[in-house]
PDB file of N, CA and C in Angstrom:
ATOM      1  N   UNK A   1      -1.235  14.939  -4.989  1.00  0.00           N
ATOM      2  CA  UNK A   1      -0.386  14.854  -6.020  1.00  0.00           C
ATOM      3  C   UNK A   1      -0.731  15.914  -6.969  1.00  0.00           C
ATOM      4  N   UNK A   2      -1.569  16.831  -6.753  1.00  0.00           N
ATOM      5  CA  UNK A   2      -2.000  17.904  -7.576  1.00  0.00           C
ATOM      6  C   UNK A   2      -1.341  19.348  -6.846  1.00  0.00           C
ATOM      7  N   UNK A   3      -1.364  20.136  -7.648  1.00  0.00           N
ATOM      8  CA  UNK A   3      -0.735  21.424  -7.444  1.00  0.00           C
ATOM      9  C   UNK A   3       0.479  21.721  -6.579  1.00  0.00           C
ATOM     10  N   UNK A   4       1.496  20.843  -7.277  1.00  0.00           N
ATOM     11  CA  UNK A   4       2.858  21.095  -6.713  1.00  0.00           C
ATOM     12  C   UNK A   4       3.238  20.128  -5.512  1.00  0.00           C
ATOM     13  N   UNK A   5       2.329  19.164  -5.067  1.00  0.00           N
ATOM     14  CA  UNK A   5       2.592  18.333  -4.096  1.00  0.00           C
ATOM     15  C   UNK A   5       3.855  17.429  -4.313  1.00  0.00           C
ATOM     16  N   UNK A   6       4.767  17.425  -3.373  1.00  0.00           N
ATOM     17  CA  UNK A   6       6.093  16.564  -3.530  1.00  0.00           C
ATOM     18  C   UNK A   6       6.138  15.616  -2.200  1.00  0.00           C
ATOM     19  N   UNK A   7       6.020  14.326  -2.499  1.00  0.00           N
ATOM     20  CA  UNK A   7       5.993  13.465  -1.335  1.00  0.00           C
ATOM     21  C   UNK A   7       7.428  12.875  -1.000  1.00  0.00           C
ATOM     22  N   UNK A   8       8.542  13.074  -2.010  1.00  0.00           N
ATOM     23  CA  UNK A   8       9.754  12.874  -1.796  1.00  0.00           C
ATOM     24  C   UNK A   8      10.002  11.565  -1.215  1.00  0.00           C
ATOM     25  N   UNK A   9      10.469  11.382   0.065  1.00  0.00           N
ATOM     26  CA  UNK A   9      11.044   9.951   0.420  1.00  0.00           C
ATOM     27  C   UNK A   9       9.801   9.555   1.556  1.00  0.00           C
ATOM     28  N   UNK A  10       8.613  10.081   1.358  1.00  0.00           N
ATOM     29  CA  UNK A  10       7.437   9.673   2.242  1.00  0.00           C
ATOM     30  C   UNK A  10       6.367   8.531   1.617  1.00  0.00           C
ATOM     31  N   UNK A  11       6.748   8.416   0.397  1.00  0.00           N
ATOM     32  CA  UNK A  11       5.765   7.479  -0.338  1.00  0.00           C
ATOM     33  C   UNK A  11       6.356   6.207  -0.864  1.00  0.00           C
ATOM     34  N   UNK A  12       5.585   5.216  -0.469  1.00  0.00           N
ATOM     35  CA  UNK A  12       5.845   3.776  -0.937  1.00  0.00           C
ATOM     36  C   UNK A  12       5.254   3.402  -1.985  1.00  0.00           C
ATOM     37  N   UNK A  13       5.824   3.199  -3.092  1.00  0.00           N
ATOM     38  CA  UNK A  13       5.237   2.731  -4.558  1.00  0.00           C
ATOM     39  C   UNK A  13       5.284   1.246  -4.721  1.00  0.00           C
ATOM     40  N   UNK A  14       4.264   0.567  -4.958  1.00  0.00           N
ATOM     41  CA  UNK A  14       4.219  -0.901  -5.207  1.00  0.00           C
ATOM     42  C   UNK A  14       3.420  -1.151  -6.363  1.00  0.00           C
ATOM     43  N   UNK A  15       3.667  -2.127  -7.095  1.00  0.00           N
ATOM     44  CA  UNK A  15       2.835  -2.630  -8.300  1.00  0.00           C
ATOM     45  C   UNK A  15       2.748  -4.219  -8.335  1.00  0.00           C
ATOM     46  N   UNK A  16       1.769  -4.590  -9.069  1.00  0.00           N
ATOM     47  CA  UNK A  16       1.629  -5.909  -9.306  1.00  0.00           C
ATOM     48  C   UNK A  16       0.890  -6.066 -10.691  1.00  0.00           C
ATOM     49  N   UNK A  17       0.590  -7.163 -11.150  1.00  0.00           N
ATOM     50  CA  UNK A  17      -0.222  -7.321 -12.426  1.00  0.00           C
ATOM     51  C   UNK A  17      -1.721  -6.801 -12.219  1.00  0.00           C
ATOM     52  N   UNK A  18      -2.051  -6.666 -10.930  1.00  0.00           N
ATOM     53  CA  UNK A  18      -3.508  -6.031 -10.753  1.00  0.00           C
ATOM     54  C   UNK A  18      -3.539  -4.577 -10.827  1.00  0.00           C
ATOM     55  N   UNK A  19      -2.312  -3.935 -10.305  1.00  0.00           N
ATOM     56  CA  UNK A  19      -2.382  -2.443 -10.304  1.00  0.00           C
ATOM     57  C   UNK A  19      -1.259  -1.829  -9.630  1.00  0.00           C
ATOM     58  N   UNK A  20      -1.680  -0.523  -9.236  1.00  0.00           N
ATOM     59  CA  UNK A  20      -0.576   0.378  -8.465  1.00  0.00           C
ATOM     60  C   UNK A  20      -0.999   0.496  -7.101  1.00  0.00           C
ATOM     61  N   UNK A  21       0.023   0.338  -6.246  1.00  0.00           N
ATOM     62  CA  UNK A  21      -0.319   0.720  -4.868  1.00  0.00           C
ATOM     63  C   UNK A  21       0.580   1.813  -4.143  1.00  0.00           C
ATOM     64  N   UNK A  22      -0.136   2.544  -3.423  1.00  0.00           N
ATOM     65  CA  UNK A  22       0.730   3.833  -2.888  1.00  0.00           C
ATOM     66  C   UNK A  22       0.152   3.805  -1.473  1.00  0.00           C
ATOM     67  N   UNK A  23       1.357   4.090  -0.723  1.00  0.00           N
ATOM     68  CA  UNK A  23       1.184   4.318   0.834  1.00  0.00           C
ATOM     69  C   UNK A  23       2.103   5.318   1.134  1.00  0.00           C
ATOM     70  N   UNK A  24       1.728   6.149   2.148  1.00  0.00           N
ATOM     71  CA  UNK A  24       2.507   7.126   2.741  1.00  0.00           C
ATOM     72  C   UNK A  24       3.006   6.678   4.040  1.00  0.00           C
ATOM     73  N   UNK A  25       4.119   7.344   4.581  1.00  0.00           N
ATOM     74  CA  UNK A  25       4.509   6.864   5.995  1.00  0.00           C
ATOM     75  C   UNK A  25       3.594   6.980   6.980  1.00  0.00           C
ATOM     76  N   UNK A  26       3.721   6.224   7.948  1.00  0.00           N
ATOM     77  CA  UNK A  26       2.695   6.030   9.018  1.00  0.00           C
ATOM     78  C   UNK A  26       2.125   7.414   9.843  1.00  0.00           C
ATOM     79  N   UNK A  27       3.027   8.404  10.063  1.00  0.00           N
ATOM     80  CA  UNK A  27       2.458   9.533  10.654  1.00  0.00           C
ATOM     81  C   UNK A  27       1.325  10.362   9.859  1.00  0.00           C
ATOM     82  N   UNK A  28       1.439  10.196   8.611  1.00  0.00           N
ATOM     83  CA  UNK A  28       0.623  10.938   7.703  1.00  0.00           C
ATOM     84  C   UNK A  28      -0.670  10.035   7.212  1.00  0.00           C
ATOM     85  N   UNK A  29      -0.669   8.713   7.576  1.00  0.00           N
ATOM     86  CA  UNK A  29      -1.817   7.928   7.217  1.00  0.00           C
ATOM     87  C   UNK A  29      -2.991   8.346   7.701  1.00  0.00           C
ATOM     88  N   UNK A  30      -3.054   9.139   8.598  1.00  0.00           N
ATOM     89  CA  UNK A  30      -4.514   9.389   9.314  1.00  0.00           C
ATOM     90  C   UNK A  30      -5.206  10.201   8.321  1.00  0.00           C
ATOM     91  N   UNK A  31      -4.569  10.999   7.663  1.00  0.00           N
ATOM     92  CA  UNK A  31      -5.375  11.865   6.655  1.00  0.00           C
ATOM     93  C   UNK A  31      -5.219  11.274   5.079  1.00  0.00           C
ATOM     94  N   UNK A  32      -4.173  10.302   5.002  1.00  0.00           N
ATOM     95  CA  UNK A  32      -4.084   9.657   3.580  1.00  0.00           C
ATOM     96  C   UNK A  32      -4.010   8.216   3.851  1.00  0.00           C
ATOM     97  N   UNK A  33      -5.168   7.605   3.594  1.00  0.00           N
ATOM     98  CA  UNK A  33      -5.181   6.030   3.554  1.00  0.00           C
ATOM     99  C   UNK A  33      -4.458   5.508   2.446  1.00  0.00           C
ATOM    100  N   UNK A  34      -3.853   4.171   2.649  1.00  0.00           N
ATOM    101  CA  UNK A  34      -3.300   3.555   1.364  1.00  0.00           C
ATOM    102  C   UNK A  34      -4.282   3.465   0.296  1.00  0.00           C
ATOM    103  N   UNK A  35      -3.561   3.456  -0.821  1.00  0.00           N
ATOM    104  CA  UNK A  35      -4.438   3.671  -2.078  1.00  0.00           C
ATOM    105  C   UNK A  35      -4.069   2.501  -3.107  1.00  0.00           C
ATOM    106  N   UNK A  36      -5.093   1.803  -3.636  1.00  0.00           N
ATOM    107  CA  UNK A  36      -4.912   0.691  -4.788  1.00  0.00           C
ATOM    108  C   UNK A  36      -5.542   1.272  -6.079  1.00  0.00           C
ATOM    109  N   UNK A  37      -4.869   1.409  -7.200  1.00  0.00           N
ATOM    110  CA  UNK A  37      -5.607   1.818  -8.489  1.00  0.00           C
ATOM    111  C   UNK A  37      -5.284   0.633  -9.371  1.00  0.00           C
ATOM    112  N   UNK A  38      -6.449   0.038 -10.026  1.00  0.00           N
ATOM    113  CA  UNK A  38      -6.241  -1.058 -10.964  1.00  0.00           C
ATOM    114  C   UNK A  38      -5.688  -0.282 -12.284  1.00  0.00           C
ATOM    115  N   UNK A  39      -4.942  -1.227 -12.954  1.00  0.00           N
ATOM    116  CA  UNK A  39      -4.230  -0.641 -14.215  1.00  0.00           C
ATOM    117  C   UNK A  39      -5.359  -0.231 -15.370  1.00  0.00           C
ATOM    118  N   UNK A  40      -6.599  -0.751 -15.317  1.00  0.00           N
ATOM    119  CA  UNK A  40      -7.556  -0.283 -16.166  1.00  0.00           C
ATOM    120  C   UNK A  40      -7.931   1.081 -15.967  1.00  0.00           C
ATOM    121  N   UNK A  41      -7.650   1.711 -14.735  1.00  0.00           N
ATOM    122  CA  UNK A  41      -7.920   3.125 -14.507  1.00  0.00           C
ATOM    123  C   UNK A  41      -6.694   4.039 -14.587  1.00  0.00           C
ATOM    124  N   UNK A  42      -5.506   3.604 -15.195  1.00  0.00           N
ATOM    125  CA  UNK A  42      -4.329   4.333 -15.340  1.00  0.00           C
ATOM    126  C   UNK A  42      -3.992   4.406 -16.879  1.00  0.00           C
ATOM    127  N   UNK A  43      -3.782   5.614 -17.304  1.00  0.00           N
ATOM    128  CA  UNK A  43      -3.078   5.922 -18.530  1.00  0.00           C
ATOM    129  C   UNK A  43      -1.702   6.511 -18.347  1.00  0.00           C
ATOM    130  N   UNK A  44      -0.737   6.248 -19.199  1.00  0.00           N
ATOM    131  CA  UNK A  44       0.645   6.522 -19.327  1.00  0.00           C
ATOM    132  C   UNK A  44       1.014   7.392 -20.460  1.00  0.00           C
ATOM    133  N   UNK A  45       1.796   8.514 -20.227  1.00  0.00           N
ATOM    134  CA  UNK A  45       2.341   9.257 -21.090  1.00  0.00           C
ATOM    135  C   UNK A  45       3.770   9.755 -20.729  1.00  0.00           C
ATOM    136  N   UNK A  46       4.572  10.207 -21.710  1.00  0.00           N
ATOM    137  CA  UNK A  46       5.858  11.046 -21.279  1.00  0.00           C
ATOM    138  C   UNK A  46       5.656  12.385 -21.379  1.00  0.00           C
ATOM    139  N   UNK A  47       6.440  13.093 -20.463  1.00  0.00           N
ATOM    140  CA  UNK A  47       6.420  14.556 -20.497  1.00  0.00           C
ATOM    141  C   UNK A  47       7.741  15.000 -19.941  1.00  0.00           C
ATOM    142  N   UNK A  48       8.021  16.309 -20.076  1.00  0.00           N
ATOM    143  CA  UNK A  48       9.166  16.880 -19.611  1.00  0.00           C
ATOM    144  C   UNK A  48       8.881  18.000 -18.502  1.00  0.00           C
ATOM    145  N   UNK A  49       9.667  17.961 -17.536  1.00  0.00           N
ATOM    146  CA  UNK A  49       9.535  19.124 -16.462  1.00  0.00           C
ATOM    147  C   UNK A  49      10.931  19.791 -16.444  1.00  0.00           C
ATOM    148  N   UNK A  50      10.793  21.062 -16.913  1.00  0.00           N
ATOM    149  CA  UNK A  50      12.022  21.734 -17.220  1.00  0.00           C
ATOM    150  C   UNK A  50      12.891  20.861 -18.241  1.00  0.00           C
ATOM    151  N   UNK A  51      14.051  20.420 -17.934  1.00  0.00           N
ATOM    152  CA  UNK A  51      14.864  19.714 -18.835  1.00  0.00           C
ATOM    153  C   UNK A  51      14.775  18.209 -18.655  1.00  0.00           C
ATOM    154  N   UNK A  52      14.081  17.749 -17.705  1.00  0.00           N
ATOM    155  CA  UNK A  52      14.140  16.316 -17.102  1.00  0.00           C
ATOM    156  C   UNK A  52      13.039  15.637 -17.910  1.00  0.00           C
ATOM    157  N   UNK A  53      13.254  14.416 -18.484  1.00  0.00           N
ATOM    158  CA  UNK A  53      12.243  13.538 -19.006  1.00  0.00           C
ATOM    159  C   UNK A  53      11.523  12.948 -17.867  1.00  0.00           C
ATOM    160  N   UNK A  54      10.234  12.669 -17.957  1.00  0.00           N
ATOM    161  CA  UNK A  54       9.475  12.120 -16.835  1.00  0.00           C
ATOM    162  C   UNK A  54       8.309  11.301 -17.363  1.00  0.00           C
ATOM    163  N   UNK A  55       7.675  10.313 -16.554  1.00  0.00           N
ATOM    164  CA  UNK A  55       6.583   9.574 -16.934  1.00  0.00           C
ATOM    165  C   UNK A  55       5.305  10.010 -16.226  1.00  0.00           C
ATOM    166  N   UNK A  56       4.328  10.307 -16.886  1.00  0.00           N
ATOM    167  CA  UNK A  56       3.100  10.809 -16.189  1.00  0.00           C
ATOM    168  C   UNK A  56       2.074   9.721 -16.182  1.00  0.00           C
ATOM    169  N   UNK A  57       1.615   9.193 -14.929  1.00  0.00           N
ATOM    170  CA  UNK A  57       0.535   8.193 -14.789  1.00  0.00           C
ATOM    171  C   UNK A  57      -0.698   9.126 -14.439  1.00  0.00           C
ATOM    172  N   UNK A  58      -1.658   8.957 -15.310  1.00  0.00           N
ATOM    173  CA  UNK A  58      -2.965   9.604 -15.013  1.00  0.00           C
ATOM    174  C   UNK A  58      -3.866   8.664 -14.226  1.00  0.00           C
ATOM    175  N   UNK A  59      -4.146   8.723 -12.927  1.00  0.00           N
ATOM    176  CA  UNK A  59      -5.092   7.920 -12.003  1.00  0.00           C
ATOM    177  C   UNK A  59      -6.250   8.279 -12.062  1.00  0.00           C
ATOM    178  N   UNK A  60      -7.045   7.271 -12.608  1.00  0.00           N
ATOM    179  CA  UNK A  60      -8.624   7.522 -12.700  1.00  0.00           C
ATOM    180  C   UNK A  60      -8.969   8.072 -13.988  1.00  0.00           C
ATOM    181  N   UNK A  61     -10.269   7.913 -14.193  1.00  0.00           N
ATOM    182  CA  UNK A  61     -10.835   8.294 -15.625  1.00  0.00           C
ATOM    183  C   UNK A  61     -11.649   9.515 -15.588  1.00  0.00           C
ATOM    184  N   UNK A  62     -12.440   9.671 -14.727  1.00  0.00           N
ATOM    185  CA  UNK A  62     -13.397  10.841 -14.629  1.00  0.00           C
ATOM    186  C   UNK A  62     -12.741  12.115 -14.086  1.00  0.00           C
ATOM    187  N   UNK A  63     -11.958  12.070 -13.168  1.00  0.00           N
ATOM    188  CA  UNK A  63     -11.158  13.278 -12.678  1.00  0.00           C
ATOM    189  C   UNK A  63      -9.688  12.709 -12.432  1.00  0.00           C
ATOM    190  N   UNK A  64      -9.061  12.645 -13.552  1.00  0.00           N
ATOM    191  CA  UNK A  64      -7.626  12.016 -13.396  1.00  0.00           C
ATOM    192  C   UNK A  64      -6.756  12.848 -12.521  1.00  0.00           C
ATOM    193  N   UNK A  65      -5.974  12.055 -11.757  1.00  0.00           N
ATOM    194  CA  UNK A  65      -4.948  12.698 -10.841  1.00  0.00           C
ATOM    195  C   UNK A  65      -3.634  12.524 -11.621  1.00  0.00           C
ATOM    196  N   UNK A  66      -2.769  13.495 -11.880  1.00  0.00           N
ATOM    197  CA  UNK A  66      -1.535  13.430 -12.423  1.00  0.00           C
ATOM    198  C   UNK A  66      -0.464  12.915 -11.375  1.00  0.00           C
ATOM    199  N   UNK A  67       0.149  11.783 -11.805  1.00  0.00           N
ATOM    200  CA  UNK A  67       1.299  11.270 -10.794  1.00  0.00           C
ATOM    201  C   UNK A  67       2.583  11.071 -11.608  1.00  0.00           C
ATOM    202  N   UNK A  68       3.459  12.116 -11.448  1.00  0.00           N
ATOM    203  CA  UNK A  68       4.611  12.170 -12.312  1.00  0.00           C
ATOM    204  C   UNK A  68       5.871  11.702 -11.610  1.00  0.00           C
ATOM    205  N   UNK A  69       6.510  10.515 -12.328  1.00  0.00           N
ATOM    206  CA  UNK A  69       7.562  10.019 -11.683  1.00  0.00           C
ATOM    207  C   UNK A  69       8.674   9.881 -12.679  1.00  0.00           C
ATOM    208  N   UNK A  70       9.879   9.587 -12.234  1.00  0.00           N
ATOM    209  CA  UNK A  70      11.109   9.415 -13.068  1.00  0.00           C
ATOM    210  C   UNK A  70      11.135   8.224 -13.856  1.00  0.00           C
ATOM    211  N   UNK A  71      11.741   8.115 -15.081  1.00  0.00           N
ATOM    212  CA  UNK A  71      11.753   7.046 -15.893  1.00  0.00           C
ATOM    213  C   UNK A  71      12.147   5.730 -15.274  1.00  0.00           C
ATOM    214  N   UNK A  72      13.342   5.752 -14.398  1.00  0.00           N
ATOM    215  CA  UNK A  72      13.837   4.595 -13.765  1.00  0.00           C
ATOM    216  C   UNK A  72      12.812   4.007 -12.787  1.00  0.00           C
ATOM    217  N   UNK A  73      11.904   4.847 -11.977  1.00  0.00           N
ATOM    218  CA  UNK A  73      10.940   4.196 -11.206  1.00  0.00           C
ATOM    219  C   UNK A  73       9.717   3.741 -11.942  1.00  0.00           C
ATOM    220  N   UNK A  74       9.421   4.446 -13.263  1.00  0.00           N
ATOM    221  CA  UNK A  74       8.370   3.741 -14.026  1.00  0.00           C
ATOM    222  C   UNK A  74       8.812   2.660 -14.782  1.00  0.00           C
ATOM    223  N   UNK A  75      10.176   2.260 -15.008  1.00  0.00           N
ATOM    224  CA  UNK A  75      10.557   0.996 -15.631  1.00  0.00           C
ATOM    225  C   UNK A  75      10.592  -0.111 -14.449  1.00  0.00           C
ATOM    226  N   UNK A  76      10.762   0.128 -13.086  1.00  0.00           N
ATOM    227  CA  UNK A  76      10.635  -0.854 -12.218  1.00  0.00           C
ATOM    228  C   UNK A  76       9.157  -1.249 -11.943  1.00  0.00           C
ATOM    229  N   UNK A  77       8.122  -0.113 -12.162  1.00  0.00           N
ATOM    230  CA  UNK A  77       6.767  -0.387 -11.925  1.00  0.00           C
ATOM    231  C   UNK A  77       6.383  -1.262 -13.148  1.00  0.00           C
ATOM    232  N   UNK A  78       6.822  -0.877 -14.311  1.00  0.00           N
ATOM    233  CA  UNK A  78       6.318  -1.624 -15.570  1.00  0.00           C
ATOM    234  C   UNK A  78       6.936  -3.027 -15.369  1.00  0.00           C
ATOM    235  N   UNK A  79       7.931  -3.350 -14.942  1.00  0.00           N
ATOM    236  CA  UNK A  79       8.344  -4.695 -14.741  1.00  0.00           C
ATOM    237  C   UNK A  79       7.436  -5.448 -13.866  1.00  0.00           C
ATOM    238  N   UNK A  80       7.247  -5.028 -12.763  1.00  0.00           N
ATOM    239  CA  UNK A  80       6.174  -5.438 -11.669  1.00  0.00           C
ATOM    240  C   UNK A  80       4.824  -5.812 -12.397  1.00  0.00           C
ATOM    241  N   UNK A  81       4.414  -4.914 -13.149  1.00  0.00           N
ATOM    242  CA  UNK A  81       3.011  -4.943 -13.731  1.00  0.00           C
ATOM    243  C   UNK A  81       3.073  -5.969 -14.863  1.00  0.00           C
ATOM    244  N   UNK A  82       4.100  -6.294 -15.473  1.00  0.00           N
ATOM    245  CA  UNK A  82       4.119  -7.227 -16.544  1.00  0.00           C
ATOM    246  C   UNK A  82       3.413  -6.824 -17.592  1.00  0.00           C
ATOM    247  N   UNK A  83       2.438  -7.781 -18.343  1.00  0.00           N
ATOM    248  CA  UNK A  83       1.751  -7.457 -19.355  1.00  0.00           C
ATOM    249  C   UNK A  83       0.579  -6.618 -19.125  1.00  0.00           C
ATOM    250  N   UNK A  84       0.331  -6.289 -17.796  1.00  0.00           N
ATOM    251  CA  UNK A  84      -0.960  -5.459 -17.348  1.00  0.00           C
ATOM    252  C   UNK A  84      -0.560  -3.985 -17.500  1.00  0.00           C
ATOM    253  N   UNK A  85       0.732  -3.662 -17.838  1.00  0.00           N
ATOM    254  CA  UNK A  85       1.198  -2.148 -18.040  1.00  0.00           C
ATOM    255  C   UNK A  85       0.428  -1.514 -18.992  1.00  0.00           C
ATOM    256  N   UNK A  86      -0.272  -0.454 -18.940  1.00  0.00           N
ATOM    257  CA  UNK A  86      -1.088   0.259 -19.876  1.00  0.00           C
ATOM    258  C   UNK A  86      -0.260   0.753 -21.192  1.00  0.00           C
ATOM    259  N   UNK A  87      -0.820   0.595 -22.157  1.00  0.00           N
ATOM    260  CA  UNK A  87      -0.089   1.253 -23.394  1.00  0.00           C
ATOM    261  C   UNK A  87       0.049   2.732 -23.247  1.00  0.00           C
ATOM    262  N   UNK A  88       1.172   3.121 -23.749  1.00  0.00           N
ATOM    263  CA  UNK A  88       1.540   4.718 -23.629  1.00  0.00           C
ATOM    264  C   UNK A  88       0.647   5.576 -24.480  1.00  0.00           C
ATOM    265  N   UNK A  89      -0.035   6.460 -24.029  1.00  0.00           N
ATOM    266  CA  UNK A  89      -0.794   7.430 -24.858  1.00  0.00           C
ATOM    267  C   UNK A  89      -0.038   8.322 -25.511  1.00  0.00           C
ATOM    268  N   UNK A  90      -0.335   8.768 -26.794  1.00  0.00           N
ATOM    269  CA  UNK A  90       0.277   9.465 -27.797  1.00  0.00           C
ATOM    270  C   UNK A  90      -0.276  10.897 -27.540  1.00  0.00           C
ATOM    271  N   UNK A  91       0.401  11.931 -26.786  1.00  0.00           N
ATOM    272  CA  UNK A  91      -0.203  13.113 -26.671  1.00  0.00           C
ATOM    273  C   UNK A  91       0.646  14.150 -27.365  1.00  0.00           C
TER     274      UNK A  91
END
């Protein structure tokens, strides 16, 4: 998710009130195991990439990994997270 990595249609994103779940298609799982991040380890902010509005999830606290998604996916994740969804940071 760093340095311009794009997963396109290879990534499954799931969410619950406990956290965010990421899984990559099975041929790539050898080097990328499934990942679960609790909401307490995620911060949310809005950003723009060129002309498009995006939502950036910073995964982790010490060495945060940026995970940038479209607002429509962010809304679906927010609904699944319910009241556990982190407050948006003002940057």
